[in-house]
Protein backbone atom coordinates (compact mmCIF):
# COMPACT_ATOMS: atom_id res chain seq x y z
CA MET A 1 0.14 0.00 0.16
CA ILE A 2 2.64 2.45 0.71
CA PHE A 3 4.56 1.52 -2.67
CA ASN A 4 1.24 2.22 -4.43
CA LEU A 5 0.92 5.72 -2.23
CA LEU A 6 4.48 6.31 -3.33
CA LYS A 7 4.02 5.62 -7.01
CA ALA A 8 1.01 8.00 -7.03
CA THR A 9 2.38 10.45 -5.62
CA PHE A 10 5.40 10.32 -8.00
CA ILE A 11 3.40 10.09 -10.76
CA THR A 12 1.06 13.06 -9.58
CA PHE A 13 4.18 15.39 -9.31
CA LEU A 14 5.46 14.42 -12.56
CA LEU A 15 2.48 15.39 -14.69
CA VAL A 16 2.34 18.80 -12.90
CA PHE A 17 6.14 19.35 -13.55
CA THR A 18 5.69 18.14 -17.35
CA GLY A 19 2.24 20.02 -17.49
CA GLY A 20 3.82 23.27 -16.13
CA PHE A 21 6.92 22.84 -18.26
CA ALA A 22 4.73 22.59 -21.20
CA PHE A 23 2.86 25.45 -20.32
CA ALA A 24 5.84 27.76 -20.14
CA GLN A 25 6.83 26.48 -23.84
CA SER A 26 5.37 28.18 -26.86
CA TYR A 27 6.71 27.52 -30.24
CA TYR A 28 6.80 30.12 -33.20
CA PHE A 29 7.15 30.08 -36.97
CA LYS A 30 11.33 30.28 -38.03
CA MET A 31 10.37 32.04 -41.43
CA SER A 32 8.39 35.15 -42.62
CA TYR A 33 7.98 36.99 -46.08
CA GLY A 34 6.02 40.29 -45.98
CA PHE A 35 5.39 43.54 -48.24
CA GLY A 36 4.59 47.14 -47.70
CA GLY A 37 4.67 50.89 -48.51
CA GLY A 38 4.58 54.16 -47.41
CA ILE A 39 6.25 57.32 -47.53
CA ASN A 40 10.12 58.53 -47.94
CA LYS A 41 11.87 62.15 -47.36
CA SER A 42 15.10 63.07 -48.74
CA PHE A 43 18.16 64.87 -46.93
CA THR A 44 20.45 65.49 -49.52
CA ASP A 45 22.69 68.64 -51.09
CA VAL A 46 19.73 70.41 -52.36
CA ASN A 47 18.39 73.38 -50.03
CA LYS A 48 15.17 71.03 -49.61
CA GLY A 49 14.17 67.61 -49.17
CA GLY A 50 10.96 66.28 -51.08
CA ILE A 51 8.12 63.55 -50.48
CA GLY A 52 8.44 60.55 -52.44
CA TYR A 53 7.42 57.00 -51.96
CA THR A 54 8.61 53.47 -50.99
CA ALA A 55 7.65 50.09 -51.71
CA TYR A 56 9.25 46.89 -50.43
CA GLY A 57 9.47 43.18 -49.76
CA VAL A 58 11.26 40.89 -47.04
CA LEU A 59 12.02 37.70 -46.02
CA ASP A 60 13.12 37.31 -42.52
CA TYR A 61 14.65 34.03 -40.71
CA HIS A 62 13.87 33.86 -36.86
CA PHE A 63 16.25 32.86 -34.73
CA THR A 64 13.72 33.31 -32.30
CA PRO A 65 10.32 35.52 -32.30
CA PHE A 66 11.96 38.55 -31.40
CA LEU A 67 15.32 38.16 -32.77
CA THR A 68 15.40 38.32 -36.58
CA LEU A 69 17.97 38.43 -39.93
CA GLY A 70 16.64 39.16 -42.80
CA LEU A 71 16.74 40.75 -46.69
CA GLU A 72 14.82 43.55 -47.90
CA GLY A 73 14.46 45.00 -51.18
CA GLN A 74 12.93 48.14 -52.02
CA TYR A 75 11.64 50.30 -54.91
CA GLY A 76 10.72 53.75 -55.02
CA MET A 77 11.11 57.34 -56.19
CA ILE A 78 13.39 59.96 -54.10
CA LYS A 79 12.95 64.05 -55.10
CA GLY A 80 14.17 67.11 -53.67
CA GLY A 81 14.76 70.46 -54.22
CA ASN A 82 12.93 72.97 -56.57
CA ILE A 83 13.90 74.75 -59.94
CA ARG A 84 12.15 77.67 -59.00
CA THR A 85 12.58 77.86 -55.50
CA ASP A 86 16.02 76.40 -54.65
CA PRO A 87 18.95 78.84 -54.33
CA ASN A 88 20.94 77.39 -56.83
CA ASN A 89 17.85 76.50 -59.15
CA ARG A 90 18.31 72.64 -58.42
CA GLN A 91 16.27 69.59 -58.31
CA PHE A 92 15.88 65.96 -59.03
CA VAL A 93 14.19 62.98 -59.26
CA ASN A 94 15.36 59.08 -58.52
CA LYS A 95 14.04 56.02 -59.55
CA TYR A 96 16.04 53.67 -57.11
CA THR A 97 16.26 50.36 -56.15
CA ALA A 98 18.03 48.65 -53.02
CA ILE A 99 18.63 45.37 -51.40
CA THR A 100 19.76 45.08 -47.63
CA ALA A 101 20.45 42.77 -45.13
CA ASN A 102 18.74 43.43 -41.50
CA VAL A 103 19.42 42.50 -38.13
CA LYS A 104 16.29 43.28 -36.08
CA LEU A 105 15.88 42.84 -31.80
CA MET A 106 12.62 43.07 -29.93
CA LEU A 107 11.98 44.12 -27.09
CA GLY A 108 10.18 40.60 -26.11
CA GLU A 109 13.83 39.22 -26.40
CA VAL A 110 15.46 41.23 -23.55
CA VAL A 111 12.17 41.89 -20.86
CA ASN A 112 10.33 39.44 -19.02
CA TYR A 113 6.84 40.58 -20.37
CA ASP A 114 5.04 37.33 -18.90
CA LYS A 115 3.86 39.49 -15.76
CA SER A 116 3.18 42.81 -17.36
CA GLU A 117 0.35 43.30 -19.48
CA PHE A 118 1.84 46.54 -20.72
CA LEU A 119 5.14 45.04 -21.67
CA TYR A 120 3.28 42.32 -23.06
CA LYS A 121 1.60 44.67 -25.49
CA ILE A 122 4.67 46.20 -26.62
CA ARG A 123 7.04 43.17 -26.85
CA GLY A 124 7.19 43.79 -30.59
CA LEU A 125 8.77 47.13 -30.28
CA TYR A 126 12.12 46.60 -31.95
CA LEU A 127 15.41 48.18 -33.16
CA GLY A 128 17.55 46.99 -36.36
CA LEU A 129 20.64 47.94 -38.13
CA GLY A 130 21.46 46.44 -41.62
CA ILE A 131 24.00 47.25 -44.58
CA GLY A 132 23.55 46.89 -48.36
CA ALA A 133 23.49 48.46 -51.51
CA ILE A 134 21.38 51.16 -53.57
CA ASN A 135 21.10 51.43 -57.32
CA ASN A 136 20.17 55.01 -58.24
CA ASN A 137 18.94 56.24 -61.16
CA ILE A 138 18.85 59.83 -61.88
CA THR A 139 15.75 60.53 -64.19
CA ASP A 140 15.22 64.15 -63.91
CA ILE A 141 18.01 66.91 -62.95
CA VAL A 142 18.70 70.25 -63.50
CA ARG A 143 22.42 70.61 -64.93
CA TYR A 144 22.81 74.04 -65.97
CA LYS A 145 20.91 77.37 -64.58
CA PRO A 146 17.62 78.06 -66.15
CA LEU A 147 17.55 81.15 -68.68
CA TRP A 148 15.46 83.02 -66.32
CA ALA A 149 17.35 82.48 -62.95
CA ALA A 150 20.28 84.49 -61.81
CA ASN A 151 23.63 83.39 -63.59
CA PRO A 152 21.59 81.92 -66.50
CA GLY A 153 23.43 79.15 -67.84
CA TYR A 154 25.66 78.35 -65.09
CA GLY A 155 26.81 75.15 -64.73
CA PRO A 156 27.44 72.42 -65.38
CA PHE A 157 26.29 70.94 -61.72
CA LEU A 158 28.68 68.13 -61.51
CA GLY A 159 27.24 64.34 -60.54
CA GLU A 160 26.29 61.03 -62.25
CA ASP A 161 22.86 59.87 -63.15
CA LYS A 162 23.33 56.55 -62.60
CA THR A 163 25.66 55.23 -59.14
CA LEU A 164 25.79 52.13 -57.18
CA GLU A 165 26.51 52.91 -53.15
CA LEU A 166 26.33 51.22 -50.23
CA LEU A 167 23.29 51.53 -48.14
CA VAL A 168 23.33 51.78 -43.96
CA PRO A 169 19.84 51.64 -43.17
CA LEU A 170 18.92 52.26 -39.14
CA ASN A 171 15.17 50.71 -37.96
CA LEU A 172 13.05 51.81 -35.65
CA GLY A 173 9.42 50.02 -35.69
CA PHE A 174 6.88 47.89 -33.84
CA ASN A 175 5.38 44.39 -35.32
CA TYR A 176 1.55 43.61 -33.77
CA TYR A 177 1.24 40.10 -33.83
CA ILE A 178 -2.16 38.15 -34.23
CA ASN A 179 -2.68 34.29 -33.79
CA ASP A 180 -3.85 31.97 -36.44
CA GLY A 181 -7.05 29.10 -35.14
CA TYR A 182 -4.21 27.00 -33.60
CA GLY A 183 -2.85 29.88 -31.48
CA TYR A 184 0.55 30.27 -33.13
CA MET A 185 1.94 33.74 -33.98
CA ARG A 186 1.09 33.85 -37.87
CA TYR A 187 0.20 37.53 -39.00
CA VAL A 188 2.08 40.29 -38.48
CA ILE A 189 1.25 44.36 -38.90
CA ASN A 190 4.55 46.33 -39.24
CA ILE A 191 4.92 49.84 -38.41
CA ASN A 192 8.71 51.00 -39.66
CA SER A 193 10.86 54.20 -39.28
CA GLN A 194 13.85 53.78 -41.42
CA LEU A 195 16.59 56.04 -41.71
CA ASN A 196 19.13 55.49 -44.68
CA TYR A 197 22.95 56.57 -45.12
CA THR A 198 24.21 56.45 -48.16
CA ILE A 199 28.25 56.39 -48.76
CA GLY A 200 28.79 58.43 -51.77
CA GLU A 201 27.07 61.35 -53.58
CA GLY A 202 24.53 59.75 -55.77
CA LEU A 203 21.29 59.85 -54.05
CA ASP A 204 20.59 63.20 -55.52
CA GLY A 205 22.90 63.02 -58.65
CA TYR A 206 25.13 65.99 -57.12
CA ASP A 207 28.62 65.69 -56.36
CA ASP A 208 29.71 69.40 -56.12
CA SER A 209 32.66 71.15 -54.41
CA ARG A 210 32.37 70.83 -50.78
CA GLN A 211 33.81 74.28 -50.33
CA ARG A 212 30.85 76.18 -52.72
CA PHE A 213 28.07 74.17 -51.47
CA LYS A 214 28.86 73.17 -47.80
CA ASN A 215 28.71 69.72 -48.55
CA PHE A 216 29.97 67.64 -45.58
CA SER A 217 26.97 65.37 -44.87
CA PRO A 218 26.35 62.12 -46.24
CA ASP A 219 23.06 62.11 -48.50
CA VAL A 220 20.39 60.38 -46.21
CA TYR A 221 16.92 59.41 -46.91
CA SER A 222 14.10 58.41 -44.58
CA ALA A 223 11.22 55.97 -44.60
CA TYR A 224 7.90 55.37 -43.22
CA THR A 225 6.19 52.84 -43.64
CA ILE A 226 3.06 50.25 -43.09
CA GLY A 227 3.32 46.53 -43.96
CA PHE A 228 1.91 42.90 -43.45
CA LYS A 229 3.67 39.84 -42.37
CA TYR A 230 3.05 36.03 -42.89
CA MET A 231 5.33 33.39 -40.55
CA LEU A 232 5.48 30.15 -41.84
CA GLY A 233 8.04 27.05 -42.49
CA GLY A 234 9.23 24.74 -39.40
CA VAL A 235 8.03 25.54 -35.72
CA LYS A 236 10.95 25.56 -32.80
CA ASN A 237 10.10 26.12 -28.88
CA TYR A 238 10.94 29.26 -27.18
CA SER A 239 10.71 29.42 -23.53
CA LYS A 240 8.55 32.44 -22.94
CA THR A 241 4.74 32.54 -23.49
CA LEU A 242 3.67 33.85 -27.07
């Protein structure tokens, strides 16, 4: 009888332990892909940047639900300046494409959100850093001042219409997760702010004397996008409740 009691106690303890362990474990998909779009703004050698558009697609590998490495492709239009209002009558339009590799670390990876409803809701907040290349294709640019401007015909404003340059994106964003019918994190609504530094002078097509145009800063564009992601592939276990 004592043996049966010990056996029953052991089985009960084992069930409680394994049940608690199973409860603490969650499962997530190892891959995701997505797409989205939004607006961008340029910060270049012209006096004032313009508003353009950006469309993107992404493919990510999930080391954990909250740590990813992925590829992002972009296509869009970047513009700036104005032939009438710019002090040097300069303007440009860049129909660009870009590809980058990005690492993103979400808040859920570094905080214990299980006991905080607020932290649980913002666990998808993230920072990211990447590297890649941008293919600049200047389709409209002022190389010589117009005849009605001050110093008419002055030029040419130096630069190239087609360049390939190193690109370094910084990301700040938020993922809102939606579970499927089986309780897995399957769908993601993404809001992202991205600051893109280019290593070169091709973003606006102007590469003038630094002394004349006070050109000491890299060409930059920011992109503000909203998108959708779908998670797929094999599943892995995770130590926190998702």
